[in-house]
Amino acid sequence: MKALLVTLLIPFGAFAQVHRPAGFVDIPWRAKSDEVLRLMLAKPGMARMGGNTGPSRLEFKGGSFAGKPALFWGLEFVDGGLYRGAVVLKSFGERSRDFEAAKALIASKYGPSTTTSKKDRDSKAIWRFPATATSKDAEIIIVWNHPGGDGVKITYRNESMKAGEATDRDEL
């Protein structure tokens, strides 16, 4: 009976569709900066920061990401459209636990990470979504517990819009 159940379930799992990002915090890739600004400021607790902001970058503070308190947000644009979004979640003191919680949060929506690495106290999990016939965009999500940072950083990036290695930069 158990073998029959496993045999019946395998085909359904093989056809399961993987959920893809298609943007950052419900803002689609290629959205223009004025629309992104409006949408971000409409989120509860969100405030615009003036620092490293310009036509290719917007910064915010506050708000929440998937119900978790956020410290900082950085959204970047290429050719006038959104291609990258990053958020730093507030740390609750135990960095490895914060990382595992953020990783589980992303995995609950997108499935297991493609790769996970750990070096000393620096942990990183990466989800890769290659371009397909139904989705022209190659996308990546990185969850990073950077020990020198303020908290766990989550980055979504459309790799098809801007060439670059699938790693994350040190800044937000």
C-alpha atoms as a PDB file:
ATOM      1  CA  MET A   1       0.000   0.000   0.000  1.00  0.00           C
ATOM      2  CA  LYS A   2       2.800   2.408   0.933  1.00  0.00           C
ATOM      3  CA  ALA A   3       4.616   1.708  -2.358  1.00  0.00           C
ATOM      4  CA  LEU A   4       1.410   2.394  -4.285  1.00  0.00           C
ATOM      5  CA  LEU A   5       0.919   5.732  -2.508  1.00  0.00           C
ATOM      6  CA  VAL A   6       4.516   6.794  -3.232  1.00  0.00           C
ATOM      7  CA  THR A   7       4.112   5.724  -6.863  1.00  0.00           C
ATOM      8  CA  LEU A   8       0.951   7.809  -7.183  1.00  0.00           C
ATOM      9  CA  LEU A   9       2.480  10.903  -5.536  1.00  0.00           C
ATOM     10  CA  ILE A  10       5.691  11.027  -7.600  1.00  0.00           C
ATOM     11  CA  PRO A  11       4.001  12.171 -10.832  1.00  0.00           C
ATOM     12  CA  PHE A  12       2.170  14.983  -9.019  1.00  0.00           C
ATOM     13  CA  GLY A  13       5.402  16.243  -7.452  1.00  0.00           C
ATOM     14  CA  ALA A  14       7.168  16.140 -10.802  1.00  0.00           C
ATOM     15  CA  PHE A  15       4.606  18.551 -12.262  1.00  0.00           C
ATOM     16  CA  ALA A  16       4.502  20.939  -9.303  1.00  0.00           C
ATOM     17  CA  GLN A  17       5.080  24.487 -10.438  1.00  0.00           C
ATOM     18  CA  VAL A  18       7.768  26.499  -8.660  1.00  0.00           C
ATOM     19  CA  HIS A  19       6.622  29.900  -7.461  1.00  0.00           C
ATOM     20  CA  ARG A  20       8.857  32.686  -8.850  1.00  0.00           C
ATOM     21  CA  PRO A  21       9.533  36.158  -7.429  1.00  0.00           C
ATOM     22  CA  ALA A  22       8.424  38.327 -10.443  1.00  0.00           C
ATOM     23  CA  GLY A  23       9.441  41.398  -8.434  1.00  0.00           C
ATOM     24  CA  PHE A  24      10.106  42.603  -4.902  1.00  0.00           C
ATOM     25  CA  VAL A  25       7.466  43.057  -2.152  1.00  0.00           C
ATOM     26  CA  ASP A  26       4.591  42.934  -4.652  1.00  0.00           C
ATOM     27  CA  ILE A  27       6.254  45.500  -6.926  1.00  0.00           C
ATOM     28  CA  PRO A  28       6.912  44.059 -10.391  1.00  0.00           C
ATOM     29  CA  TRP A  29      10.280  44.117 -12.090  1.00  0.00           C
ATOM     30  CA  ARG A  30      10.677  47.129 -14.414  1.00  0.00           C
ATOM     31  CA  ALA A  31       8.317  49.337 -12.364  1.00  0.00           C
ATOM     32  CA  LYS A  32       9.336  52.997 -12.666  1.00  0.00           C
ATOM     33  CA  SER A  33      10.892  54.759  -9.659  1.00  0.00           C
ATOM     34  CA  ASP A  34       7.948  57.149  -9.110  1.00  0.00           C
ATOM     35  CA  GLU A  35       5.552  54.186  -8.926  1.00  0.00           C
ATOM     36  CA  VAL A  36       7.924  52.274  -6.610  1.00  0.00           C
ATOM     37  CA  LEU A  37       8.220  55.343  -4.358  1.00  0.00           C
ATOM     38  CA  ARG A  38       4.424  55.641  -4.144  1.00  0.00           C
ATOM     39  CA  LEU A  39       3.957  51.921  -3.418  1.00  0.00           C
ATOM     40  CA  MET A  40       6.702  51.778  -0.785  1.00  0.00           C
ATOM     41  CA  LEU A  41       5.448  54.865   1.069  1.00  0.00           C
ATOM     42  CA  ALA A  42       1.956  53.345   1.133  1.00  0.00           C
ATOM     43  CA  LYS A  43       3.266  50.449   3.241  1.00  0.00           C
ATOM     44  CA  PRO A  44       2.677  50.853   7.004  1.00  0.00           C
ATOM     45  CA  GLY A  45       5.624  52.268   8.985  1.00  0.00           C
ATOM     46  CA  MET A  46       7.709  53.059   5.886  1.00  0.00           C
ATOM     47  CA  ALA A  47       9.763  56.280   5.643  1.00  0.00           C
ATOM     48  CA  ARG A  48      11.994  57.480   2.842  1.00  0.00           C
ATOM     49  CA  MET A  49      15.681  57.971   3.600  1.00  0.00           C
ATOM     50  CA  GLY A  50      17.703  60.693   1.933  1.00  0.00           C
ATOM     51  CA  GLY A  51      21.157  59.067   1.931  1.00  0.00           C
ATOM     52  CA  ASN A  52      22.281  57.277  -1.211  1.00  0.00           C
ATOM     53  CA  THR A  53      19.117  58.123  -3.169  1.00  0.00           C
ATOM     54  CA  GLY A  54      18.978  59.233  -6.772  1.00  0.00           C
ATOM     55  CA  PRO A  55      17.468  58.298 -10.131  1.00  0.00           C
ATOM     56  CA  SER A  56      18.895  54.773  -9.915  1.00  0.00           C
ATOM     57  CA  ARG A  57      18.295  54.110  -6.196  1.00  0.00           C
ATOM     58  CA  LEU A  58      15.673  54.633  -3.483  1.00  0.00           C
ATOM     59  CA  GLU A  59      16.202  53.988   0.244  1.00  0.00           C
ATOM     60  CA  PHE A  60      13.661  53.536   3.020  1.00  0.00           C
ATOM     61  CA  LYS A  61      13.563  52.628   6.693  1.00  0.00           C
ATOM     62  CA  GLY A  62      10.991  50.930   8.889  1.00  0.00           C
ATOM     63  CA  GLY A  63       8.023  48.866   7.893  1.00  0.00           C
ATOM     64  CA  SER A  64       8.015  45.106   7.764  1.00  0.00           C
ATOM     65  CA  PHE A  65       8.849  42.278   5.389  1.00  0.00           C
ATOM     66  CA  ALA A  66       6.506  39.275   5.591  1.00  0.00           C
ATOM     67  CA  GLY A  67       5.486  40.396   9.074  1.00  0.00           C
ATOM     68  CA  LYS A  68       9.077  40.753  10.331  1.00  0.00           C
ATOM     69  CA  PRO A  69      10.380  44.203  11.410  1.00  0.00           C
ATOM     70  CA  ALA A  70      12.655  45.802   8.828  1.00  0.00           C
ATOM     71  CA  LEU A  71      15.497  48.244   9.438  1.00  0.00           C
ATOM     72  CA  PHE A  72      16.492  49.364   5.945  1.00  0.00           C
ATOM     73  CA  TRP A  73      15.384  48.962   2.345  1.00  0.00           C
ATOM     74  CA  GLY A  74      17.269  49.642  -0.874  1.00  0.00           C
ATOM     75  CA  LEU A  75      15.688  49.475  -4.328  1.00  0.00           C
ATOM     76  CA  GLU A  76      17.703  49.921  -7.503  1.00  0.00           C
ATOM     77  CA  PHE A  77      16.800  50.719 -11.086  1.00  0.00           C
ATOM     78  CA  VAL A  78      18.399  50.135 -14.459  1.00  0.00           C
ATOM     79  CA  ASP A  79      17.074  51.706 -17.651  1.00  0.00           C
ATOM     80  CA  GLY A  80      14.404  53.346 -15.466  1.00  0.00           C
ATOM     81  CA  GLY A  81      12.968  50.061 -14.142  1.00  0.00           C
ATOM     82  CA  LEU A  82      13.210  48.179 -10.850  1.00  0.00           C
ATOM     83  CA  TYR A  83      15.753  45.363 -11.049  1.00  0.00           C
ATOM     84  CA  ARG A  84      16.900  44.877  -7.427  1.00  0.00           C
ATOM     85  CA  GLY A  85      15.370  45.134  -3.973  1.00  0.00           C
ATOM     86  CA  ALA A  86      16.981  44.441  -0.624  1.00  0.00           C
ATOM     87  CA  VAL A  87      15.800  44.575   2.970  1.00  0.00           C
ATOM     88  CA  VAL A  88      17.666  44.184   6.256  1.00  0.00           C
ATOM     89  CA  LEU A  89      15.532  42.560   8.924  1.00  0.00           C
ATOM     90  CA  LYS A  90      15.896  43.579  12.532  1.00  0.00           C
ATOM     91  CA  SER A  91      18.141  41.209  14.447  1.00  0.00           C
ATOM     92  CA  PHE A  92      16.919  39.763  17.706  1.00  0.00           C
ATOM     93  CA  GLY A  93      20.397  39.010  19.002  1.00  0.00           C
ATOM     94  CA  GLU A  94      20.991  35.466  17.773  1.00  0.00           C
ATOM     95  CA  ARG A  95      22.307  35.880  14.234  1.00  0.00           C
ATOM     96  CA  SER A  96      22.300  32.201  13.281  1.00  0.00           C
ATOM     97  CA  ARG A  97      18.705  31.837  14.499  1.00  0.00           C
ATOM     98  CA  ASP A  98      17.694  35.002  12.626  1.00  0.00           C
ATOM     99  CA  PHE A  99      19.301  33.615   9.465  1.00  0.00           C
ATOM    100  CA  GLU A 100      17.533  30.256   9.769  1.00  0.00           C
ATOM    101  CA  ALA A 101      14.182  32.017  10.349  1.00  0.00           C
ATOM    102  CA  ALA A 102      14.663  34.230   7.263  1.00  0.00           C
ATOM    103  CA  LYS A 103      15.759  31.239   5.195  1.00  0.00           C
ATOM    104  CA  ALA A 104      12.666  29.284   6.312  1.00  0.00           C
ATOM    105  CA  LEU A 105      10.467  32.280   5.462  1.00  0.00           C
ATOM    106  CA  ILE A 106      11.757  32.392   1.877  1.00  0.00           C
ATOM    107  CA  ALA A 107      11.711  28.574   1.545  1.00  0.00           C
ATOM    108  CA  SER A 108       8.049  28.485   2.601  1.00  0.00           C
ATOM    109  CA  LYS A 109       7.195  30.493  -0.508  1.00  0.00           C
ATOM    110  CA  TYR A 110       9.849  29.425  -3.041  1.00  0.00           C
ATOM    111  CA  GLY A 111      10.956  25.964  -1.910  1.00  0.00           C
ATOM    112  CA  PRO A 112      14.423  24.916  -0.724  1.00  0.00           C
ATOM    113  CA  SER A 113      17.411  27.091  -1.578  1.00  0.00           C
ATOM    114  CA  THR A 114      19.548  26.198  -4.572  1.00  0.00           C
ATOM    115  CA  THR A 115      22.725  26.556  -2.500  1.00  0.00           C
ATOM    116  CA  THR A 116      23.593  27.275   1.107  1.00  0.00           C
ATOM    117  CA  SER A 117      27.047  28.107   2.398  1.00  0.00           C
ATOM    118  CA  LYS A 118      28.606  28.927   5.729  1.00  0.00           C
ATOM    119  CA  LYS A 119      32.028  30.312   6.524  1.00  0.00           C
ATOM    120  CA  ASP A 120      32.718  31.143  10.151  1.00  0.00           C
ATOM    121  CA  ARG A 121      29.710  33.271  11.209  1.00  0.00           C
ATOM    122  CA  ASP A 122      28.824  34.275   7.632  1.00  0.00           C
ATOM    123  CA  SER A 123      25.907  32.240   6.224  1.00  0.00           C
ATOM    124  CA  LYS A 124      24.304  32.618   2.810  1.00  0.00           C
ATOM    125  CA  ALA A 125      21.416  30.868   1.059  1.00  0.00           C
ATOM    126  CA  ILE A 126      20.691  31.437  -2.626  1.00  0.00           C
ATOM    127  CA  TRP A 127      17.598  30.649  -4.679  1.00  0.00           C
ATOM    128  CA  ARG A 128      18.084  30.730  -8.473  1.00  0.00           C
ATOM    129  CA  PHE A 129      15.257  30.934 -10.966  1.00  0.00           C
ATOM    130  CA  PRO A 130      16.568  30.602 -14.536  1.00  0.00           C
ATOM    131  CA  ALA A 131      14.725  32.140 -17.460  1.00  0.00           C
ATOM    132  CA  THR A 132      12.214  29.766 -19.021  1.00  0.00           C
ATOM    133  CA  ALA A 133       9.804  29.702 -21.925  1.00  0.00           C
ATOM    134  CA  THR A 134       7.097  31.128 -19.650  1.00  0.00           C
ATOM    135  CA  SER A 135       9.301  33.569 -17.700  1.00  0.00           C
ATOM    136  CA  LYS A 136      11.846  35.619 -19.618  1.00  0.00           C
ATOM    137  CA  ASP A 137      13.594  36.781 -16.447  1.00  0.00           C
ATOM    138  CA  ALA A 138      16.370  34.980 -14.595  1.00  0.00           C
ATOM    139  CA  GLU A 139      15.919  35.874 -10.938  1.00  0.00           C
ATOM    140  CA  ILE A 140      17.834  35.321  -7.733  1.00  0.00           C
ATOM    141  CA  ILE A 141      17.086  35.627  -4.020  1.00  0.00           C
ATOM    142  CA  ILE A 142      19.903  35.825  -1.492  1.00  0.00           C
ATOM    143  CA  VAL A 143      19.487  35.520   2.282  1.00  0.00           C
ATOM    144  CA  TRP A 144      22.674  36.647   3.953  1.00  0.00           C
ATOM    145  CA  ASN A 145      23.677  36.699   7.599  1.00  0.00           C
ATOM    146  CA  HIS A 146      26.563  39.110   7.172  1.00  0.00           C
ATOM    147  CA  PRO A 147      28.336  39.266  10.550  1.00  0.00           C
ATOM    148  CA  GLY A 148      29.432  42.878  10.023  1.00  0.00           C
ATOM    149  CA  GLY A 149      25.921  44.054   9.158  1.00  0.00           C
ATOM    150  CA  ASP A 150      22.926  45.122  11.217  1.00  0.00           C
ATOM    151  CA  GLY A 151      20.781  42.040  10.635  1.00  0.00           C
ATOM    152  CA  VAL A 152      19.840  39.421   8.099  1.00  0.00           C
ATOM    153  CA  LYS A 153      19.722  40.806   4.570  1.00  0.00           C
ATOM    154  CA  ILE A 154      17.356  39.519   1.898  1.00  0.00           C
ATOM    155  CA  THR A 155      17.992  40.542  -1.705  1.00  0.00           C
ATOM    156  CA  TYR A 156      15.809  39.914  -4.741  1.00  0.00           C
ATOM    157  CA  ARG A 157      17.383  40.640  -8.114  1.00  0.00           C
ATOM    158  CA  ASN A 158      16.381  40.306 -11.751  1.00  0.00           C
ATOM    159  CA  GLU A 159      19.547  38.942 -13.326  1.00  0.00           C
ATOM    160  CA  SER A 160      18.179  39.433 -16.843  1.00  0.00           C
ATOM    161  CA  MET A 161      17.998  43.200 -16.442  1.00  0.00           C
ATOM    162  CA  LYS A 162      21.541  43.819 -15.281  1.00  0.00           C
ATOM    163  CA  ALA A 163      24.527  41.585 -15.863  1.00  0.00           C
ATOM    164  CA  GLY A 164      26.403  40.556 -12.782  1.00  0.00           C
ATOM    165  CA  GLU A 165      27.626  37.669 -10.746  1.00  0.00           C
ATOM    166  CA  ALA A 166      25.032  36.046  -8.524  1.00  0.00           C
ATOM    167  CA  THR A 167      26.508  37.299  -5.283  1.00  0.00           C
ATOM    168  CA  ASP A 168      25.440  40.212  -3.163  1.00  0.00           C
ATOM    169  CA  ARG A 169      27.198  43.471  -2.536  1.00  0.00           C
ATOM    170  CA  ASP A 170      28.198  44.626   0.920  1.00  0.00           C
ATOM    171  CA  GLU A 171      25.994  47.680   0.902  1.00  0.00           C
ATOM    172  CA  LEU A 172      22.229  47.524   1.133  1.00  0.00           C
END
